[in-house]
Amino acid sequence: MRPDRRVRLRREAWGFAIGSIFFAVGAVPFYADAVGDVIANLTFFVGAIFFTLAALIQLALSGRRPPRRGGTRANRADWWAAAVQFVGTLLFNLSTTAALITAMNVTTRVGSGWRPDAWGSICFLVASAFAVVATTDRDGLWDPKARSWRCTWLNMAGSVFFGLSAIGAFVIPQTSNPVSQFWANAGTFLGALCFLAAALLSRRDDPAGVASAPAV
């Protein structure tokens, strides 16, 4: 593996790891109570930026366009995982920005950032599915000893938790309360921990290439 590629893979992993830490901390109720809504939402905002930077590196490593017809199914799945994931991080940028604006301005409509949050969660699930296809082609559907296999399924679990968080965060118009504040926080916290574990696990060089990198 070329030295420059190795450096970018490490930067990608650390970007996902740092972003995950910000999301995990922001989802802890005691943290929000201690620092206030503005700082808590600013924490998510910063975490989303790290996610986007890491996803951009992963997309760059996967290539500017999908592999040609001669490429393997695993390589094509890798590219689509990175592309869809990058779109998902941009949507999380929108949702965290909307949430921060709402926290800073009480006249802003509560829940205005839910749609991009929900679509971002869907993108993460789709990206994780593509990553499963790529990993299955390389390591098999069940190979716990393969590091890329473990990263892929940790990211899938994290995407599922983020999806549960989005469902819990949906604001009921009649009451202006979320469906489940518990799952809005717990889904984000558990998902972030899964992404963090996958990112730290993928820090080491992997001759298989981009597939070992987190497809959050």
N, C-alpha and C. Protein backbone atom coordinates (compact mmCIF):
# COMPACT_ATOMS: atom_id res chain seq x y z
N MET A 1 0.84 -1.19 0.00
CA MET A 1 0.00 0.00 0.00
C MET A 1 0.88 1.25 0.00
N ARG A 2 0.55 2.22 -0.86
CA ARG A 2 1.36 3.43 -0.96
C ARG A 2 1.28 4.22 0.35
N PRO A 3 2.39 4.91 0.73
CA PRO A 3 2.39 5.67 1.98
C PRO A 3 1.28 6.72 2.04
N ASP A 4 1.02 7.43 0.91
CA ASP A 4 -0.01 8.47 0.94
C ASP A 4 -1.39 7.86 1.16
N ARG A 5 -1.64 6.70 0.59
CA ARG A 5 -2.91 6.02 0.79
C ARG A 5 -3.05 5.57 2.24
N ARG A 6 -1.96 5.09 2.82
CA ARG A 6 -1.98 4.65 4.22
C ARG A 6 -2.32 5.84 5.12
N VAL A 7 -1.74 6.99 4.84
CA VAL A 7 -2.00 8.18 5.65
C VAL A 7 -3.46 8.59 5.56
N ARG A 8 -4.01 8.56 4.34
CA ARG A 8 -5.41 8.96 4.16
C ARG A 8 -6.35 7.98 4.84
N LEU A 9 -6.03 6.69 4.82
CA LEU A 9 -6.85 5.71 5.51
C LEU A 9 -6.86 5.99 7.02
N ARG A 10 -5.70 6.33 7.56
CA ARG A 10 -5.63 6.64 8.99
C ARG A 10 -6.42 7.91 9.31
N ARG A 11 -6.31 8.93 8.45
CA ARG A 11 -7.07 10.16 8.66
C ARG A 11 -8.56 9.90 8.60
N GLU A 12 -8.95 9.04 7.66
CA GLU A 12 -10.36 8.67 7.53
C GLU A 12 -10.85 8.01 8.81
N ALA A 13 -10.08 7.04 9.32
CA ALA A 13 -10.47 6.33 10.53
C ALA A 13 -10.58 7.27 11.72
N TRP A 14 -9.59 8.17 11.86
CA TRP A 14 -9.64 9.11 12.98
C TRP A 14 -10.78 10.10 12.83
N GLY A 15 -11.11 10.47 11.60
CA GLY A 15 -12.24 11.38 11.38
C GLY A 15 -13.54 10.75 11.86
N PHE A 16 -13.75 9.48 11.50
CA PHE A 16 -14.95 8.78 11.96
C PHE A 16 -14.92 8.59 13.47
N ALA A 17 -13.74 8.30 14.02
CA ALA A 17 -13.63 8.08 15.46
C ALA A 17 -13.96 9.35 16.24
N ILE A 18 -13.39 10.48 15.82
CA ILE A 18 -13.64 11.74 16.52
C ILE A 18 -15.11 12.15 16.38
N GLY A 19 -15.65 12.02 15.16
CA GLY A 19 -17.06 12.34 14.97
C GLY A 19 -17.95 11.49 15.85
N SER A 20 -17.62 10.20 15.98
CA SER A 20 -18.41 9.29 16.81
C SER A 20 -18.36 9.71 18.28
N ILE A 21 -17.19 10.14 18.74
CA ILE A 21 -17.06 10.58 20.13
C ILE A 21 -17.95 11.78 20.39
N PHE A 22 -17.96 12.74 19.46
CA PHE A 22 -18.81 13.92 19.63
C PHE A 22 -20.29 13.52 19.69
N PHE A 23 -20.70 12.59 18.82
CA PHE A 23 -22.10 12.17 18.82
C PHE A 23 -22.45 11.41 20.09
N ALA A 24 -21.54 10.56 20.56
CA ALA A 24 -21.80 9.79 21.78
C ALA A 24 -21.93 10.72 22.99
N VAL A 25 -21.02 11.68 23.09
CA VAL A 25 -21.07 12.63 24.21
C VAL A 25 -22.34 13.48 24.14
N GLY A 26 -22.66 13.96 22.96
CA GLY A 26 -23.84 14.81 22.80
C GLY A 26 -25.14 14.11 23.15
N ALA A 27 -25.16 12.77 23.02
CA ALA A 27 -26.39 12.02 23.28
C ALA A 27 -26.60 11.68 24.75
N VAL A 28 -25.62 11.96 25.58
CA VAL A 28 -25.76 11.67 27.02
C VAL A 28 -26.62 12.75 27.67
N PRO A 29 -27.76 12.40 28.24
CA PRO A 29 -28.66 13.41 28.83
C PRO A 29 -27.99 14.28 29.88
N PHE A 30 -27.12 13.69 30.70
CA PHE A 30 -26.45 14.47 31.75
C PHE A 30 -25.58 15.56 31.15
N TYR A 31 -24.99 15.27 29.98
CA TYR A 31 -24.16 16.27 29.32
C TYR A 31 -25.00 17.45 28.87
N ALA A 32 -26.14 17.16 28.23
CA ALA A 32 -27.02 18.23 27.77
C ALA A 32 -27.53 19.06 28.94
N ASP A 33 -27.87 18.40 30.05
CA ASP A 33 -28.35 19.12 31.23
C ASP A 33 -27.26 20.03 31.79
N ALA A 34 -26.01 19.59 31.69
CA ALA A 34 -24.90 20.35 32.28
C ALA A 34 -24.51 21.55 31.42
N VAL A 35 -24.49 21.38 30.10
CA VAL A 35 -23.97 22.44 29.22
C VAL A 35 -25.07 23.24 28.53
N GLY A 36 -26.28 22.74 28.51
CA GLY A 36 -27.37 23.46 27.86
C GLY A 36 -27.59 22.97 26.43
N ASP A 37 -28.75 23.31 25.88
CA ASP A 37 -29.14 22.83 24.56
C ASP A 37 -28.21 23.34 23.45
N VAL A 38 -27.76 24.59 23.55
CA VAL A 38 -26.94 25.15 22.48
C VAL A 38 -25.61 24.40 22.36
N ILE A 39 -24.92 24.21 23.46
CA ILE A 39 -23.64 23.50 23.43
C ILE A 39 -23.83 22.04 23.05
N ALA A 40 -24.91 21.43 23.54
CA ALA A 40 -25.17 20.03 23.20
C ALA A 40 -25.37 19.87 21.70
N ASN A 41 -26.14 20.77 21.09
CA ASN A 41 -26.36 20.70 19.64
C ASN A 41 -25.12 21.11 18.86
N LEU A 42 -24.32 22.01 19.43
CA LEU A 42 -23.06 22.36 18.80
C LEU A 42 -22.14 21.14 18.76
N THR A 43 -22.21 20.30 19.77
CA THR A 43 -21.41 19.07 19.81
C THR A 43 -21.77 18.17 18.64
N PHE A 44 -23.07 17.99 18.39
CA PHE A 44 -23.50 17.18 17.23
C PHE A 44 -23.06 17.84 15.92
N PHE A 45 -23.14 19.15 15.86
CA PHE A 45 -22.76 19.89 14.66
C PHE A 45 -21.29 19.64 14.31
N VAL A 46 -20.42 19.72 15.31
CA VAL A 46 -18.99 19.47 15.09
C VAL A 46 -18.75 18.02 14.71
N GLY A 47 -19.44 17.10 15.39
CA GLY A 47 -19.28 15.68 15.08
C GLY A 47 -19.65 15.37 13.65
N ALA A 48 -20.72 16.01 13.15
CA ALA A 48 -21.15 15.78 11.77
C ALA A 48 -20.10 16.28 10.77
N ILE A 49 -19.40 17.34 11.12
CA ILE A 49 -18.34 17.85 10.23
C ILE A 49 -17.21 16.82 10.11
N PHE A 50 -16.82 16.22 11.22
CA PHE A 50 -15.79 15.19 11.18
C PHE A 50 -16.25 13.98 10.37
N PHE A 51 -17.53 13.61 10.52
CA PHE A 51 -18.07 12.51 9.71
C PHE A 51 -17.94 12.82 8.22
N THR A 52 -18.30 14.05 7.86
CA THR A 52 -18.28 14.43 6.44
C THR A 52 -16.86 14.45 5.89
N LEU A 53 -15.92 14.98 6.64
CA LEU A 53 -14.53 15.00 6.19
C LEU A 53 -13.99 13.58 6.00
N ALA A 54 -14.31 12.70 6.95
CA ALA A 54 -13.86 11.31 6.85
C ALA A 54 -14.52 10.61 5.66
N ALA A 55 -15.82 10.87 5.45
CA ALA A 55 -16.53 10.26 4.33
C ALA A 55 -15.99 10.76 2.99
N LEU A 56 -15.58 12.03 2.95
CA LEU A 56 -15.00 12.58 1.72
C LEU A 56 -13.68 11.89 1.40
N ILE A 57 -12.87 11.64 2.42
CA ILE A 57 -11.61 10.92 2.21
C ILE A 57 -11.89 9.52 1.69
N GLN A 58 -12.88 8.85 2.29
CA GLN A 58 -13.20 7.49 1.85
C GLN A 58 -13.68 7.48 0.41
N LEU A 59 -14.50 8.47 0.03
CA LEU A 59 -14.98 8.53 -1.35
C LEU A 59 -13.82 8.80 -2.31
N ALA A 60 -12.89 9.65 -1.90
CA ALA A 60 -11.72 9.92 -2.74
C ALA A 60 -10.87 8.66 -2.92
N LEU A 61 -10.74 7.88 -1.86
CA LEU A 61 -9.98 6.63 -1.95
C LEU A 61 -10.68 5.60 -2.83
N SER A 62 -12.01 5.68 -2.88
CA SER A 62 -12.78 4.74 -3.70
C SER A 62 -12.77 5.11 -5.18
N GLY A 63 -12.45 6.38 -5.49
CA GLY A 63 -12.41 6.82 -6.88
C GLY A 63 -13.46 7.87 -7.16
N ARG A 64 -13.23 8.68 -8.19
CA ARG A 64 -14.15 9.76 -8.52
C ARG A 64 -15.44 9.26 -9.15
N ARG A 65 -15.43 8.10 -9.72
CA ARG A 65 -16.62 7.56 -10.37
C ARG A 65 -16.68 6.05 -10.12
N PRO A 66 -17.85 5.44 -10.33
CA PRO A 66 -17.97 3.98 -10.09
C PRO A 66 -16.99 3.19 -10.94
N PRO A 67 -16.49 2.07 -10.43
CA PRO A 67 -15.59 1.22 -11.23
C PRO A 67 -16.25 0.80 -12.53
N ARG A 68 -15.45 0.60 -13.55
CA ARG A 68 -16.00 0.20 -14.84
C ARG A 68 -16.54 -1.22 -14.78
N ARG A 69 -17.17 -1.62 -15.88
CA ARG A 69 -17.81 -2.93 -15.92
C ARG A 69 -16.84 -4.07 -15.62
N GLY A 70 -15.57 -3.85 -15.94
CA GLY A 70 -14.59 -4.90 -15.70
C GLY A 70 -14.24 -5.08 -14.23
N GLY A 71 -14.67 -4.14 -13.40
CA GLY A 71 -14.35 -4.23 -11.98
C GLY A 71 -15.18 -5.31 -11.29
N THR A 72 -14.75 -5.67 -10.10
CA THR A 72 -15.46 -6.70 -9.34
C THR A 72 -16.69 -6.11 -8.67
N ARG A 73 -17.60 -6.98 -8.30
CA ARG A 73 -18.80 -6.52 -7.60
C ARG A 73 -18.44 -5.89 -6.26
N ALA A 74 -17.41 -6.43 -5.59
CA ALA A 74 -16.98 -5.88 -4.31
C ALA A 74 -16.48 -4.44 -4.47
N ASN A 75 -15.71 -4.17 -5.52
CA ASN A 75 -15.21 -2.82 -5.74
C ASN A 75 -16.34 -1.85 -6.06
N ARG A 76 -17.32 -2.31 -6.85
CA ARG A 76 -18.47 -1.46 -7.15
C ARG A 76 -19.27 -1.16 -5.89
N ALA A 77 -19.45 -2.19 -5.06
CA ALA A 77 -20.19 -1.99 -3.82
C ALA A 77 -19.44 -1.04 -2.89
N ASP A 78 -18.11 -1.15 -2.86
CA ASP A 78 -17.30 -0.23 -2.06
C ASP A 78 -17.55 1.21 -2.46
N TRP A 79 -17.55 1.46 -3.78
CA TRP A 79 -17.72 2.83 -4.27
C TRP A 79 -19.10 3.35 -3.90
N TRP A 80 -20.13 2.55 -4.11
CA TRP A 80 -21.48 3.01 -3.80
C TRP A 80 -21.67 3.19 -2.30
N ALA A 81 -21.02 2.36 -1.49
CA ALA A 81 -21.09 2.54 -0.04
C ALA A 81 -20.50 3.89 0.35
N ALA A 82 -19.34 4.22 -0.23
CA ALA A 82 -18.69 5.49 0.09
C ALA A 82 -19.51 6.67 -0.41
N ALA A 83 -20.09 6.56 -1.63
CA ALA A 83 -20.85 7.67 -2.21
C ALA A 83 -22.13 7.94 -1.43
N VAL A 84 -22.87 6.88 -1.14
CA VAL A 84 -24.13 7.05 -0.40
C VAL A 84 -23.86 7.53 1.02
N GLN A 85 -22.80 7.00 1.62
CA GLN A 85 -22.43 7.45 2.96
C GLN A 85 -22.09 8.93 2.98
N PHE A 86 -21.37 9.41 1.97
CA PHE A 86 -21.01 10.82 1.92
C PHE A 86 -22.26 11.69 1.85
N VAL A 87 -23.24 11.28 1.03
CA VAL A 87 -24.51 12.01 0.97
C VAL A 87 -25.17 12.02 2.34
N GLY A 88 -25.13 10.87 3.03
CA GLY A 88 -25.72 10.79 4.35
C GLY A 88 -25.08 11.75 5.34
N THR A 89 -23.76 11.90 5.28
CA THR A 89 -23.10 12.83 6.20
C THR A 89 -23.49 14.28 5.89
N LEU A 90 -23.68 14.60 4.61
CA LEU A 90 -24.12 15.95 4.25
C LEU A 90 -25.52 16.22 4.82
N LEU A 91 -26.38 15.21 4.77
CA LEU A 91 -27.72 15.36 5.34
C LEU A 91 -27.65 15.54 6.85
N PHE A 92 -26.70 14.86 7.50
CA PHE A 92 -26.53 15.06 8.94
C PHE A 92 -26.00 16.47 9.22
N ASN A 93 -25.20 17.01 8.32
CA ASN A 93 -24.78 18.41 8.47
C ASN A 93 -26.00 19.33 8.48
N LEU A 94 -26.94 19.07 7.57
CA LEU A 94 -28.16 19.87 7.51
C LEU A 94 -28.99 19.72 8.78
N SER A 95 -29.15 18.49 9.24
CA SER A 95 -29.99 18.26 10.42
C SER A 95 -29.37 18.85 11.68
N THR A 96 -28.06 18.71 11.85
CA THR A 96 -27.42 19.27 13.05
C THR A 96 -27.40 20.79 13.00
N THR A 97 -27.28 21.35 11.80
CA THR A 97 -27.34 22.81 11.66
C THR A 97 -28.72 23.31 12.04
N ALA A 98 -29.77 22.63 11.54
CA ALA A 98 -31.14 23.03 11.87
C ALA A 98 -31.40 22.92 13.36
N ALA A 99 -30.90 21.84 13.97
CA ALA A 99 -31.09 21.65 15.41
C ALA A 99 -30.37 22.73 16.21
N LEU A 100 -29.17 23.12 15.75
CA LEU A 100 -28.41 24.18 16.44
C LEU A 100 -29.13 25.51 16.32
N ILE A 101 -29.66 25.80 15.14
CA ILE A 101 -30.40 27.05 14.94
C ILE A 101 -31.64 27.08 15.84
N THR A 102 -32.32 25.93 15.93
CA THR A 102 -33.50 25.84 16.78
C THR A 102 -33.14 26.09 18.24
N ALA A 103 -32.00 25.53 18.68
CA ALA A 103 -31.58 25.72 20.07
C ALA A 103 -31.22 27.17 20.36
N MET A 104 -30.70 27.86 19.34
CA MET A 104 -30.29 29.25 19.53
C MET A 104 -31.45 30.24 19.37
N ASN A 105 -32.51 29.81 18.68
CA ASN A 105 -33.63 30.70 18.41
C ASN A 105 -34.92 29.95 18.73
N VAL A 106 -35.54 30.30 19.84
CA VAL A 106 -36.72 29.56 20.31
C VAL A 106 -37.91 29.73 19.38
N THR A 107 -37.89 30.73 18.50
CA THR A 107 -39.02 30.93 17.59
C THR A 107 -38.96 29.99 16.39
N THR A 108 -37.83 29.28 16.22
CA THR A 108 -37.69 28.34 15.11
C THR A 108 -38.55 27.11 15.37
N ARG A 109 -39.12 26.56 14.32
CA ARG A 109 -40.01 25.41 14.46
C ARG A 109 -39.24 24.20 14.98
N VAL A 110 -39.70 23.62 16.07
CA VAL A 110 -39.07 22.45 16.67
C VAL A 110 -39.20 21.26 15.71
N GLY A 111 -38.12 20.52 15.57
CA GLY A 111 -38.14 19.35 14.70
C GLY A 111 -37.88 19.65 13.25
N SER A 112 -37.44 20.88 12.93
CA SER A 112 -37.22 21.26 11.54
C SER A 112 -36.08 20.48 10.89
N GLY A 113 -35.21 19.90 11.70
CA GLY A 113 -34.09 19.15 11.14
C GLY A 113 -34.34 17.65 11.06
N TRP A 114 -35.61 17.24 11.31
CA TRP A 114 -35.85 15.79 11.36
C TRP A 114 -35.75 15.13 10.00
N ARG A 115 -36.27 15.76 8.95
CA ARG A 115 -36.26 15.12 7.62
C ARG A 115 -34.84 14.81 7.14
N PRO A 116 -33.91 15.78 7.16
CA PRO A 116 -32.54 15.40 6.75
C PRO A 116 -31.91 14.37 7.67
N ASP A 117 -32.28 14.38 8.94
CA ASP A 117 -31.77 13.38 9.88
C ASP A 117 -32.28 11.99 9.48
N ALA A 118 -33.57 11.90 9.15
CA ALA A 118 -34.15 10.62 8.75
C ALA A 118 -33.54 10.13 7.44
N TRP A 119 -33.40 11.03 6.46
CA TRP A 119 -32.81 10.64 5.18
C TRP A 119 -31.33 10.28 5.34
N GLY A 120 -30.65 10.99 6.23
CA GLY A 120 -29.25 10.65 6.49
C GLY A 120 -29.12 9.26 7.09
N SER A 121 -30.04 8.92 8.00
CA SER A 121 -30.03 7.59 8.61
C SER A 121 -30.31 6.51 7.57
N ILE A 122 -31.22 6.80 6.63
CA ILE A 122 -31.50 5.85 5.56
C ILE A 122 -30.26 5.66 4.68
N CYS A 123 -29.59 6.76 4.38
CA CYS A 123 -28.36 6.67 3.58
C CYS A 123 -27.32 5.80 4.28
N PHE A 124 -27.18 5.95 5.60
CA PHE A 124 -26.21 5.14 6.33
C PHE A 124 -26.57 3.66 6.25
N LEU A 125 -27.87 3.35 6.34
CA LEU A 125 -28.30 1.95 6.24
C LEU A 125 -28.00 1.39 4.85
N VAL A 126 -28.27 2.18 3.81
CA VAL A 126 -28.00 1.74 2.44
C VAL A 126 -26.50 1.56 2.23
N ALA A 127 -25.70 2.52 2.73
CA ALA A 127 -24.25 2.41 2.60
C ALA A 127 -23.73 1.17 3.32
N SER A 128 -24.28 0.88 4.49
CA SER A 128 -23.86 -0.31 5.23
C SER A 128 -24.23 -1.58 4.47
N ALA A 129 -25.38 -1.56 3.79
CA ALA A 129 -25.78 -2.72 2.99
C ALA A 129 -24.80 -2.95 1.85
N PHE A 130 -24.39 -1.88 1.17
CA PHE A 130 -23.39 -2.01 0.11
C PHE A 130 -22.08 -2.55 0.69
N ALA A 131 -21.71 -2.08 1.88
CA ALA A 131 -20.47 -2.56 2.50
C ALA A 131 -20.56 -4.04 2.84
N VAL A 132 -21.75 -4.49 3.24
CA VAL A 132 -21.94 -5.91 3.52
C VAL A 132 -21.74 -6.74 2.25
N VAL A 133 -22.25 -6.23 1.12
CA VAL A 133 -22.07 -6.92 -0.16
C VAL A 133 -20.58 -7.05 -0.48
N ALA A 134 -19.84 -5.94 -0.32
CA ALA A 134 -18.41 -5.96 -0.63
C ALA A 134 -17.66 -6.91 0.29
N THR A 135 -17.96 -6.85 1.58
CA THR A 135 -17.27 -7.69 2.54
C THR A 135 -17.61 -9.16 2.35
N THR A 136 -18.88 -9.43 2.04
CA THR A 136 -19.30 -10.82 1.82
C THR A 136 -18.55 -11.42 0.64
N ASP A 137 -18.36 -10.64 -0.42
CA ASP A 137 -17.62 -11.14 -1.58
C ASP A 137 -16.18 -11.45 -1.24
N ARG A 138 -15.62 -10.70 -0.28
CA ARG A 138 -14.19 -10.87 0.04
C ARG A 138 -13.97 -11.85 1.19
N ASP A 139 -14.77 -11.72 2.25
CA ASP A 139 -14.52 -12.50 3.46
C ASP A 139 -15.61 -13.51 3.77
N GLY A 140 -16.71 -13.50 3.02
CA GLY A 140 -17.82 -14.38 3.35
C GLY A 140 -18.80 -13.70 4.28
N LEU A 141 -20.03 -14.21 4.33
CA LEU A 141 -21.06 -13.59 5.16
C LEU A 141 -20.75 -13.74 6.64
N TRP A 142 -20.02 -14.81 6.99
CA TRP A 142 -19.72 -15.05 8.41
C TRP A 142 -18.24 -15.38 8.56
N ASP A 143 -17.46 -14.40 9.00
CA ASP A 143 -16.03 -14.61 9.21
C ASP A 143 -15.56 -13.67 10.31
N PRO A 144 -15.91 -13.94 11.56
CA PRO A 144 -15.56 -13.05 12.67
C PRO A 144 -14.07 -12.78 12.82
N LYS A 145 -13.23 -13.65 12.26
CA LYS A 145 -11.79 -13.43 12.39
C LYS A 145 -11.28 -12.35 11.45
N ALA A 146 -12.06 -12.00 10.42
CA ALA A 146 -11.65 -10.97 9.47
C ALA A 146 -11.97 -9.59 10.02
N ARG A 147 -10.96 -8.73 10.09
CA ARG A 147 -11.16 -7.41 10.67
C ARG A 147 -12.16 -6.58 9.86
N SER A 148 -12.08 -6.64 8.53
CA SER A 148 -13.01 -5.89 7.70
C SER A 148 -14.44 -6.37 7.91
N TRP A 149 -14.61 -7.68 8.16
CA TRP A 149 -15.94 -8.24 8.42
C TRP A 149 -16.51 -7.64 9.71
N ARG A 150 -15.68 -7.56 10.74
CA ARG A 150 -16.15 -7.01 12.01
C ARG A 150 -16.48 -5.52 11.89
N CYS A 151 -15.65 -4.78 11.15
CA CYS A 151 -15.92 -3.36 10.94
C CYS A 151 -17.25 -3.16 10.22
N THR A 152 -17.47 -3.97 9.19
CA THR A 152 -18.69 -3.84 8.40
C THR A 152 -19.93 -4.05 9.25
N TRP A 153 -19.94 -5.10 10.06
CA TRP A 153 -21.13 -5.39 10.85
C TRP A 153 -21.28 -4.46 12.04
N LEU A 154 -20.18 -3.94 12.56
CA LEU A 154 -20.29 -2.89 13.59
C LEU A 154 -20.95 -1.65 13.00
N ASN A 155 -20.56 -1.30 11.77
CA ASN A 155 -21.16 -0.14 11.12
C ASN A 155 -22.62 -0.38 10.79
N MET A 156 -22.97 -1.61 10.40
CA MET A 156 -24.37 -1.92 10.15
C MET A 156 -25.19 -1.76 11.42
N ALA A 157 -24.65 -2.27 12.55
CA ALA A 157 -25.34 -2.12 13.83
C ALA A 157 -25.49 -0.64 14.19
N GLY A 158 -24.42 0.14 13.96
CA GLY A 158 -24.49 1.56 14.23
C GLY A 158 -25.54 2.26 13.38
N SER A 159 -25.66 1.87 12.13
CA SER A 159 -26.65 2.47 11.24
C SER A 159 -28.07 2.13 11.69
N VAL A 160 -28.27 0.91 12.17
CA VAL A 160 -29.58 0.51 12.68
C VAL A 160 -29.94 1.35 13.91
N PHE A 161 -28.97 1.54 14.81
CA PHE A 161 -29.23 2.36 16.00
C PHE A 161 -29.53 3.81 15.62
N PHE A 162 -28.81 4.34 14.62
CA PHE A 162 -29.08 5.71 14.17
C PHE A 162 -30.50 5.79 13.58
N GLY A 163 -30.92 4.72 12.89
CA GLY A 163 -32.28 4.69 12.36
C GLY A 163 -33.31 4.72 13.48
N LEU A 164 -33.06 3.95 14.55
CA LEU A 164 -33.96 3.96 15.70
C LEU A 164 -33.98 5.34 16.36
N SER A 165 -32.82 5.99 16.38
CA SER A 165 -32.74 7.33 16.93
C SER A 165 -33.61 8.31 16.13
N ALA A 166 -33.55 8.20 14.80
CA ALA A 166 -34.35 9.08 13.95
C ALA A 166 -35.84 8.86 14.18
N ILE A 167 -36.24 7.60 14.34
CA ILE A 167 -37.66 7.32 14.62
C ILE A 167 -38.06 7.91 15.96
N GLY A 168 -37.22 7.72 16.97
CA GLY A 168 -37.53 8.26 18.28
C GLY A 168 -37.56 9.77 18.32
N ALA A 169 -36.79 10.43 17.44
CA ALA A 169 -36.70 11.89 17.45
C ALA A 169 -37.83 12.57 16.69
N PHE A 170 -38.67 11.79 16.01
CA PHE A 170 -39.77 12.41 15.26
C PHE A 170 -40.68 13.15 16.22
N VAL A 171 -40.94 14.42 15.91
CA VAL A 171 -41.75 15.27 16.79
C VAL A 171 -43.22 15.14 16.42
N ILE A 172 -44.04 14.77 17.40
CA ILE A 172 -45.49 14.66 17.19
C ILE A 172 -46.09 16.07 17.16
N PRO A 173 -46.69 16.46 16.03
CA PRO A 173 -47.19 17.84 15.89
C PRO A 173 -48.14 18.27 17.00
N GLN A 174 -49.03 17.37 17.44
CA GLN A 174 -50.04 17.75 18.43
C GLN A 174 -49.44 18.09 19.79
N THR A 175 -48.32 17.45 20.12
CA THR A 175 -47.73 17.65 21.45
C THR A 175 -46.38 18.36 21.42
N SER A 176 -45.75 18.43 20.22
CA SER A 176 -44.39 19.00 20.07
C SER A 176 -43.36 18.21 20.86
N ASN A 177 -43.69 16.95 21.16
CA ASN A 177 -42.76 16.07 21.86
C ASN A 177 -42.29 14.96 20.92
N PRO A 178 -41.07 14.47 21.12
CA PRO A 178 -40.60 13.37 20.27
C PRO A 178 -41.33 12.08 20.58
N VAL A 179 -41.31 11.15 19.62
CA VAL A 179 -41.94 9.84 19.81
C VAL A 179 -41.34 9.14 21.03
N SER A 180 -40.02 9.15 21.13
CA SER A 180 -39.34 8.52 22.26
C SER A 180 -38.01 9.23 22.49
N GLN A 181 -37.96 10.06 23.51
CA GLN A 181 -36.71 10.75 23.82
C GLN A 181 -35.63 9.76 24.22
N PHE A 182 -36.07 8.66 24.85
CA PHE A 182 -35.10 7.64 25.25
C PHE A 182 -34.37 7.09 24.04
N TRP A 183 -35.13 6.66 22.99
CA TRP A 183 -34.48 6.09 21.82
C TRP A 183 -33.79 7.14 20.97
N ALA A 184 -34.26 8.38 21.02
CA ALA A 184 -33.57 9.45 20.31
C ALA A 184 -32.15 9.59 20.83
N ASN A 185 -31.99 9.46 22.15
CA ASN A 185 -30.66 9.56 22.76
C ASN A 185 -29.91 8.23 22.71
N ALA A 186 -30.61 7.15 23.11
CA ALA A 186 -29.95 5.84 23.19
C ALA A 186 -29.51 5.36 21.82
N GLY A 187 -30.34 5.57 20.80
CA GLY A 187 -29.97 5.14 19.45
C GLY A 187 -28.73 5.86 18.96
N THR A 188 -28.67 7.18 19.22
CA THR A 188 -27.49 7.94 18.82
C THR A 188 -26.25 7.49 19.59
N PHE A 189 -26.40 7.30 20.90
CA PHE A 189 -25.27 6.91 21.74
C PHE A 189 -24.72 5.53 21.34
N LEU A 190 -25.62 4.55 21.22
CA LEU A 190 -25.17 3.19 20.88
C LEU A 190 -24.62 3.13 19.46
N GLY A 191 -25.27 3.85 18.54
CA GLY A 191 -24.76 3.89 17.16
C GLY A 191 -23.37 4.50 17.09
N ALA A 192 -23.18 5.59 17.83
CA ALA A 192 -21.87 6.24 17.84
C ALA A 192 -20.80 5.32 18.41
N LEU A 193 -21.14 4.55 19.44
CA LEU A 193 -20.17 3.61 20.01
C LEU A 193 -19.80 2.53 18.99
N CYS A 194 -20.77 2.06 18.22
CA CYS A 194 -20.49 1.07 17.18
C CYS A 194 -19.56 1.65 16.13
N PHE A 195 -19.85 2.89 15.68
CA PHE A 195 -19.00 3.54 14.68
C PHE A 195 -17.60 3.78 15.23
N LEU A 196 -17.52 4.15 16.50
CA LEU A 196 -16.22 4.39 17.12
C LEU A 196 -15.40 3.11 17.15
N ALA A 197 -16.03 2.00 17.56
CA ALA A 197 -15.32 0.72 17.61
C ALA A 197 -14.83 0.31 16.22
N ALA A 198 -15.67 0.50 15.21
CA ALA A 198 -15.28 0.15 13.83
C ALA A 198 -14.13 1.02 13.35
N ALA A 199 -14.19 2.30 13.67
CA ALA A 199 -13.14 3.22 13.23
C ALA A 199 -11.80 2.87 13.88
N LEU A 200 -11.81 2.60 15.17
CA LEU A 200 -10.57 2.25 15.86
C LEU A 200 -10.03 0.91 15.36
N LEU A 201 -10.93 -0.01 15.06
CA LEU A 201 -10.52 -1.32 14.56
C LEU A 201 -9.88 -1.22 13.18
N SER A 202 -10.30 -0.23 12.40
CA SER A 202 -9.80 -0.10 11.03
C SER A 202 -8.56 0.79 10.91
N ARG A 203 -8.04 1.26 12.04
CA ARG A 203 -6.89 2.17 11.98
C ARG A 203 -5.67 1.53 11.35
N ARG A 204 -5.50 0.23 11.59
CA ARG A 204 -4.32 -0.45 11.06
C ARG A 204 -4.46 -0.67 9.56
N ASP A 205 -3.34 -0.78 8.89
CA ASP A 205 -3.35 -0.99 7.45
C ASP A 205 -3.97 -2.34 7.11
N ASP A 206 -4.71 -2.36 6.03
CA ASP A 206 -5.34 -3.60 5.56
C ASP A 206 -5.07 -3.74 4.09
N PRO A 207 -4.37 -4.80 3.67
CA PRO A 207 -4.05 -4.98 2.27
C PRO A 207 -5.27 -5.10 1.38
N ALA A 208 -6.45 -5.37 1.97
CA ALA A 208 -7.66 -5.49 1.14
C ALA A 208 -8.10 -4.15 0.60
N GLY A 209 -7.64 -3.06 1.24
CA GLY A 209 -7.92 -1.73 0.69
C GLY A 209 -9.07 -1.04 1.38
N VAL A 210 -9.86 -0.33 0.60
CA VAL A 210 -10.85 0.57 1.13
C VAL A 210 -11.95 -0.16 1.89
N ALA A 211 -12.22 -1.40 1.57
CA ALA A 211 -13.34 -2.10 2.21
C ALA A 211 -13.18 -2.18 3.72
N SER A 212 -11.93 -2.12 4.23
CA SER A 212 -11.72 -2.20 5.66
C SER A 212 -12.06 -0.90 6.35
N ALA A 213 -12.15 0.18 5.59
CA ALA A 213 -12.45 1.46 6.18
C ALA A 213 -13.94 1.53 6.54
N PRO A 214 -14.28 2.33 7.58
CA PRO A 214 -15.66 2.37 8.01
C PRO A 214 -16.57 2.89 6.91
N ALA A 215 -17.68 2.19 6.66
CA ALA A 215 -18.73 2.74 5.83
C ALA A 215 -19.88 2.99 6.78
N VAL A 216 -19.82 4.11 7.47
CA VAL A 216 -20.69 4.33 8.60
C VAL A 216 -22.14 4.28 8.22
